[in-house]
């Protein structure tokens, strides 16, 4: 049975303290606006695109008012999802795994292959999907069910105060996660995540459904995203986002991300290449602007 290992899927449990942009779990409550967000112009579309990419794909959240932040493409969520699904774990045995770039994951599980419960403790556990180092600290609660030993199984995880450090900046997350595997291949991932970003603001990705391509090469997203400065938007990918290695920076270079706010106004983020991306606002009249990725 393969167990999702928190560095890549945002799902974990138990308090382990703040750190960086962290804090106690009592801090990780989204208290921002919940009404549909007003998307008034291309700048709003940029800001929301950055935040959503950070919650579900690549990108960082700092002060997200400027499109330059889109270039800071480090896999926060996908990296976490990838770590969650990386190690085979045997029931009723203590397993210790070494991180690809340091630290350990200690899994203590009970039960049988058909019904597993237990915990996974991340201690400076480091992975580097696509060359981006992700450092994880925290404790994850896990349950799982195997369907006949054929590589078909499901697992559910929960976590509080998981600390995920990417590019020297720390996110603190409360998350629940569920996934089903068929022939040992992970299917759609369902999760809800409240997290504090490096800007010290709390964001909420609610009822997300995520499908990741091999090696994080593509990403399909649907769900609702709550931004502390804007409110709620509906998130979809009309065509899966495609990622490429752009001279050492992992950037979206194809597909599209659509954000729908109040009055059915949409903002569409369309990466075009390693050099450019486009933001379009449609409020009955479409306005588009093309930007260069910062060098």
Protein backbone atom coordinates (compact mmCIF):
# COMPACT_ATOMS: atom_id res chain seq x y z
CA UNK A 1 0.00 0.00 0.00
CA UNK A 2 1.36 3.42 -0.92
CA UNK A 3 0.66 6.16 1.57
CA UNK A 4 0.47 9.82 0.66
CA UNK A 5 3.30 11.47 2.49
CA UNK A 6 2.39 15.01 3.32
CA UNK A 7 5.07 16.90 1.40
CA UNK A 8 2.94 17.06 -1.65
CA UNK A 9 -0.70 16.85 -0.90
CA UNK A 10 -1.53 19.11 2.03
CA UNK A 11 -3.13 16.63 4.39
CA UNK A 12 -2.05 16.26 7.92
CA UNK A 13 -2.83 16.20 11.58
CA UNK A 14 -1.75 17.19 15.09
CA UNK A 15 -0.28 20.48 16.28
CA UNK A 16 3.43 20.97 15.77
CA UNK A 17 3.76 24.69 16.24
CA UNK A 18 4.24 27.64 13.95
CA UNK A 19 7.47 28.85 12.47
CA UNK A 20 8.09 31.20 9.62
CA UNK A 21 4.65 32.25 8.42
CA UNK A 22 3.14 29.77 10.84
CA UNK A 23 1.39 30.00 14.14
CA UNK A 24 -0.93 27.90 16.24
CA UNK A 25 -3.94 26.13 14.73
CA UNK A 26 -6.18 28.77 16.30
CA UNK A 27 -4.65 31.21 13.82
CA UNK A 28 -5.59 29.03 10.86
CA UNK A 29 -9.21 30.03 10.50
CA UNK A 30 -10.30 31.86 7.39
CA UNK A 31 -12.09 35.00 8.59
CA UNK A 32 -12.00 37.00 5.36
CA UNK A 33 -14.92 37.87 3.10
CA UNK A 34 -17.06 34.97 1.84
CA UNK A 35 -19.22 36.79 -0.71
CA UNK A 36 -18.37 36.38 -4.38
CA UNK A 37 -15.29 38.37 -5.25
CA UNK A 38 -15.50 41.45 -7.46
CA UNK A 39 -13.11 41.07 -10.40
CA UNK A 40 -12.84 44.57 -11.75
CA UNK A 41 -9.77 44.60 -13.97
CA UNK A 42 -6.72 42.72 -15.22
CA UNK A 43 -4.81 43.53 -12.02
CA UNK A 44 -7.48 41.73 -9.97
CA UNK A 45 -7.16 38.77 -12.31
CA UNK A 46 -3.39 38.69 -11.79
CA UNK A 47 -3.65 38.83 -8.02
CA UNK A 48 -6.23 36.05 -7.84
CA UNK A 49 -4.33 33.91 -10.34
CA UNK A 50 -1.16 34.10 -8.23
CA UNK A 51 -2.98 33.08 -5.05
CA UNK A 52 -4.83 30.21 -6.72
CA UNK A 53 -1.70 28.91 -8.42
CA UNK A 54 0.01 28.85 -5.03
CA UNK A 55 -2.89 26.95 -3.47
CA UNK A 56 -3.10 24.31 -6.15
CA UNK A 57 -0.14 24.40 -8.46
CA UNK A 58 2.96 26.55 -8.51
CA UNK A 59 3.72 30.09 -7.48
CA UNK A 60 4.17 31.84 -4.18
CA UNK A 61 1.87 34.16 -2.36
CA UNK A 62 3.92 37.08 -0.92
CA UNK A 63 2.37 40.43 -1.75
CA UNK A 64 0.44 39.13 -4.72
CA UNK A 65 -0.58 42.44 -6.25
CA UNK A 66 2.11 42.26 -8.91
CA UNK A 67 2.32 39.72 -11.70
CA UNK A 68 6.04 39.25 -11.10
CA UNK A 69 5.16 36.87 -8.28
CA UNK A 70 3.79 34.44 -10.86
CA UNK A 71 7.37 33.66 -11.81
CA UNK A 72 8.21 32.40 -8.32
CA UNK A 73 7.03 28.97 -9.36
CA UNK A 74 7.78 26.56 -6.54
CA UNK A 75 5.42 23.62 -6.03
CA UNK A 76 3.75 24.24 -2.68
CA UNK A 77 0.64 22.10 -2.96
CA UNK A 78 1.60 19.71 -5.75
CA UNK A 79 4.91 19.08 -4.10
CA UNK A 80 3.11 18.25 -0.90
CA UNK A 81 0.72 15.93 -2.73
CA UNK A 82 3.64 14.18 -4.37
CA UNK A 83 5.34 13.53 -1.03
CA UNK A 84 2.13 12.14 0.38
CA UNK A 85 2.05 9.47 -2.29
CA UNK A 86 5.70 8.51 -2.46
CA UNK A 87 6.49 5.77 0.08
CA UNK A 88 5.24 2.18 0.43
CA UNK A 89 4.26 1.53 4.04
CA UNK A 90 3.59 -1.81 5.74
CA UNK A 91 0.87 -2.14 8.43
CA UNK A 92 1.82 -2.81 12.07
CA UNK A 93 5.45 -1.86 11.44
CA UNK A 94 7.43 1.28 12.24
CA UNK A 95 8.91 2.51 8.99
CA UNK A 96 11.56 5.25 8.79
CA UNK A 97 12.18 6.91 5.44
CA UNK A 98 14.99 9.28 4.56
CA UNK A 99 14.09 12.45 2.69
CA UNK A 100 15.63 12.90 -0.74
CA UNK A 101 17.44 16.01 0.54
CA UNK A 102 17.48 15.30 4.29
CA UNK A 103 15.26 14.62 7.29
CA UNK A 104 13.05 11.65 8.07
CA UNK A 105 9.49 10.39 7.84
CA UNK A 106 8.52 7.95 10.59
CA UNK A 107 5.30 6.00 9.94
CA UNK A 108 3.70 4.00 12.77
CA UNK A 109 0.65 2.06 11.58
CA UNK A 110 -1.68 -0.56 13.07
CA UNK A 111 -4.28 -2.91 11.67
CA UNK A 112 -4.33 -5.12 8.62
CA UNK A 113 -3.75 -4.33 4.99
CA UNK A 114 -7.51 -3.90 4.58
CA UNK A 115 -7.91 -1.41 7.45
CA UNK A 116 -4.94 0.69 8.49
CA UNK A 117 -4.76 3.52 11.01
CA UNK A 118 -1.75 5.37 12.32
CA UNK A 119 0.46 8.44 12.22
CA UNK A 120 3.29 9.76 10.11
CA UNK A 121 5.80 12.14 11.68
CA UNK A 122 7.78 14.47 9.42
CA UNK A 123 11.02 15.78 10.92
CA UNK A 124 12.73 18.23 8.56
CA UNK A 125 11.64 15.83 5.83
CA UNK A 126 12.90 17.18 2.52
CA UNK A 127 11.91 16.30 -1.03
CA UNK A 128 12.87 18.02 -4.25
CA UNK A 129 10.29 17.39 -7.00
CA UNK A 130 11.46 18.96 -10.22
CA UNK A 131 14.45 20.34 -8.32
CA UNK A 132 12.49 22.46 -5.81
CA UNK A 133 13.34 21.65 -2.20
CA UNK A 134 10.30 21.32 0.09
CA UNK A 135 10.89 20.93 3.84
CA UNK A 136 8.07 19.45 5.96
CA UNK A 137 7.51 19.29 9.72
CA UNK A 138 4.41 17.93 11.42
CA UNK A 139 2.36 14.87 12.28
CA UNK A 140 -0.23 13.34 9.99
CA UNK A 141 -3.12 11.09 11.01
CA UNK A 142 -3.95 8.43 8.44
CA UNK A 143 -6.57 5.80 7.66
CA UNK A 144 -6.55 3.50 4.65
CA UNK A 145 -8.38 0.62 3.05
CA UNK A 146 -6.96 -1.94 0.63
CA UNK A 147 -9.26 -3.58 -1.90
CA UNK A 148 -7.92 -7.08 -2.33
CA UNK A 149 -4.18 -6.47 -2.57
CA UNK A 150 -4.39 -5.61 -6.26
CA UNK A 151 -3.02 -2.08 -6.05
CA UNK A 152 -6.53 -0.69 -5.59
CA UNK A 153 -6.93 1.16 -2.30
CA UNK A 154 -7.98 4.43 -0.70
CA UNK A 155 -6.53 6.63 1.99
CA UNK A 156 -7.58 9.60 4.06
CA UNK A 157 -5.34 11.97 5.98
CA UNK A 158 -5.81 14.91 8.30
CA UNK A 159 -3.38 17.39 9.80
CA UNK A 160 -3.13 20.57 11.84
CA UNK A 161 -0.23 23.00 11.87
CA UNK A 162 1.77 21.26 9.21
CA UNK A 163 4.73 23.48 8.31
CA UNK A 164 5.86 23.45 4.70
CA UNK A 165 8.92 25.52 3.77
CA UNK A 166 9.51 26.35 0.11
CA UNK A 167 12.26 28.63 -1.18
CA UNK A 168 12.98 29.82 2.36
CA UNK A 169 9.36 30.77 3.09
CA UNK A 170 6.99 28.86 5.35
CA UNK A 171 3.34 27.95 4.90
CA UNK A 172 1.36 26.56 7.83
CA UNK A 173 -1.57 24.32 6.91
CA UNK A 174 -4.63 22.62 8.32
CA UNK A 175 -5.84 20.06 5.83
CA UNK A 176 -7.98 17.03 5.09
CA UNK A 177 -7.18 14.83 2.11
CA UNK A 178 -8.63 11.77 0.39
CA UNK A 179 -7.49 9.78 -2.64
CA UNK A 180 -8.16 6.46 -4.34
CA UNK A 181 -5.55 4.43 -6.19
CA UNK A 182 -6.21 2.07 -9.09
CA UNK A 183 -3.39 -0.31 -10.02
CA UNK A 184 -1.17 1.77 -7.72
CA UNK A 185 -1.86 4.92 -9.74
CA UNK A 186 -3.41 7.82 -7.85
CA UNK A 187 -6.72 9.16 -9.11
CA UNK A 188 -8.37 12.52 -8.39
CA UNK A 189 -7.38 14.05 -5.05
CA UNK A 190 -10.02 15.71 -2.87
CA UNK A 191 -8.92 18.18 -0.22
CA UNK A 192 -9.79 21.24 1.81
CA UNK A 193 -6.91 23.33 3.11
CA UNK A 194 -6.73 26.41 5.30
CA UNK A 195 -3.26 27.88 5.28
CA UNK A 196 -1.25 30.88 6.38
CA UNK A 197 1.01 32.15 3.62
CA UNK A 198 4.31 34.04 3.94
CA UNK A 199 2.30 37.29 3.78
CA UNK A 200 0.80 36.23 7.19
CA UNK A 201 -2.70 36.15 5.68
CA UNK A 202 -4.99 33.12 5.86
CA UNK A 203 -6.41 31.60 2.65
CA UNK A 204 -8.86 28.75 2.09
CA UNK A 205 -8.97 26.21 -0.75
CA UNK A 206 -12.35 24.51 -0.29
CA UNK A 207 -13.51 21.17 -1.71
CA UNK A 208 -10.77 21.10 -4.33
CA UNK A 209 -10.60 18.28 -6.84
CA UNK A 210 -7.11 17.97 -8.31
CA UNK A 211 -5.72 15.66 -10.96
CA UNK A 212 -1.94 15.74 -11.41
CA UNK A 213 -0.12 14.55 -14.50
CA UNK A 214 3.02 12.44 -14.37
CA UNK A 215 5.82 14.33 -12.65
CA UNK A 216 3.57 17.33 -11.98
CA UNK A 217 3.67 18.02 -15.72
CA UNK A 218 -0.02 18.95 -15.85
CA UNK A 219 -2.72 19.97 -13.42
CA UNK A 220 -6.53 20.01 -13.47
CA UNK A 221 -8.32 21.92 -10.70
CA UNK A 222 -11.88 22.60 -9.61
CA UNK A 223 -13.21 24.05 -6.36
CA UNK A 224 -13.74 27.29 -4.48
CA UNK A 225 -10.97 29.60 -3.34
CA UNK A 226 -11.30 32.25 -0.61
CA UNK A 227 -8.95 35.24 -0.75
CA UNK A 228 -8.70 37.49 2.34
CA UNK A 229 -8.76 40.66 0.20
CA UNK A 230 -11.39 39.61 -2.33
CA UNK A 231 -13.72 36.85 -1.14
CA UNK A 232 -14.85 33.71 -2.91
CA UNK A 233 -14.19 32.66 -6.50
CA UNK A 234 -14.94 29.45 -8.37
CA UNK A 235 -11.84 27.85 -9.88
CA UNK A 236 -11.72 25.63 -12.96
CA UNK A 237 -9.18 24.62 -15.60
CA UNK A 238 -11.04 24.53 -18.96
CA UNK A 239 -7.89 22.87 -20.30
CA UNK A 240 -5.30 21.34 -17.94
CA UNK A 241 -2.39 23.58 -17.01
CA UNK A 242 0.84 22.27 -18.51
CA UNK A 243 4.19 22.89 -16.80
CA UNK A 244 7.67 23.04 -18.30
CA UNK A 245 11.23 23.49 -17.10
CA UNK A 246 12.03 27.01 -18.29
CA UNK A 247 15.78 27.32 -17.78
CA UNK A 248 15.54 25.91 -14.27
CA UNK A 249 12.24 27.55 -13.31
CA UNK A 250 9.11 25.37 -13.30
CA UNK A 251 6.45 27.47 -15.08
CA UNK A 252 3.01 26.89 -16.57
CA UNK A 253 3.37 27.13 -20.33
CA UNK A 254 0.02 25.88 -21.60
CA UNK A 255 -3.61 25.27 -20.66
CA UNK A 256 -5.82 27.76 -18.85
CA UNK A 257 -7.10 28.66 -15.39
CA UNK A 258 -10.51 30.34 -15.15
CA UNK A 259 -11.72 32.26 -12.10
CA UNK A 260 -15.39 33.25 -11.75
CA UNK A 261 -16.47 35.96 -9.33
CA UNK A 262 -19.50 38.20 -8.71
CA UNK A 263 -21.94 38.85 -11.56
CA UNK A 264 -20.40 35.96 -13.52
CA UNK A 265 -17.32 38.03 -14.35
CA UNK A 266 -14.41 35.78 -15.26
CA UNK A 267 -10.65 36.15 -15.24
CA UNK A 268 -8.71 33.67 -17.36
CA UNK A 269 -5.00 33.04 -16.90
CA UNK A 270 -3.48 31.53 -20.05
CA UNK A 271 0.24 30.73 -19.99
CA UNK A 272 1.63 30.86 -23.51
CA UNK A 273 5.29 29.89 -23.27
CA UNK A 274 8.37 30.20 -21.08
CA UNK A 275 8.31 33.89 -22.04
CA UNK A 276 4.70 35.13 -21.86
CA UNK A 277 1.27 34.65 -20.31
CA UNK A 278 -2.08 36.36 -20.82
CA UNK A 279 -4.80 37.57 -18.46
CA UNK A 280 -8.30 38.15 -19.88
CA UNK A 281 -11.25 39.70 -18.04
CA UNK A 282 -14.76 39.02 -19.40
CA UNK A 283 -17.60 41.11 -17.94
CA UNK A 284 -19.64 41.08 -21.12
CA UNK A 285 -16.75 42.69 -22.94
CA UNK A 286 -13.44 40.86 -23.04
CA UNK A 287 -10.24 42.70 -22.17
CA UNK A 288 -6.92 40.88 -22.51
CA UNK A 289 -3.36 41.79 -21.74
CA UNK A 290 -0.18 39.83 -22.42
CA UNK A 291 2.75 39.93 -20.00
CA UNK A 292 6.33 38.78 -20.08
CA UNK A 293 7.49 36.40 -17.41
CA UNK A 294 10.07 38.27 -15.33
CA UNK A 295 13.61 37.20 -16.12
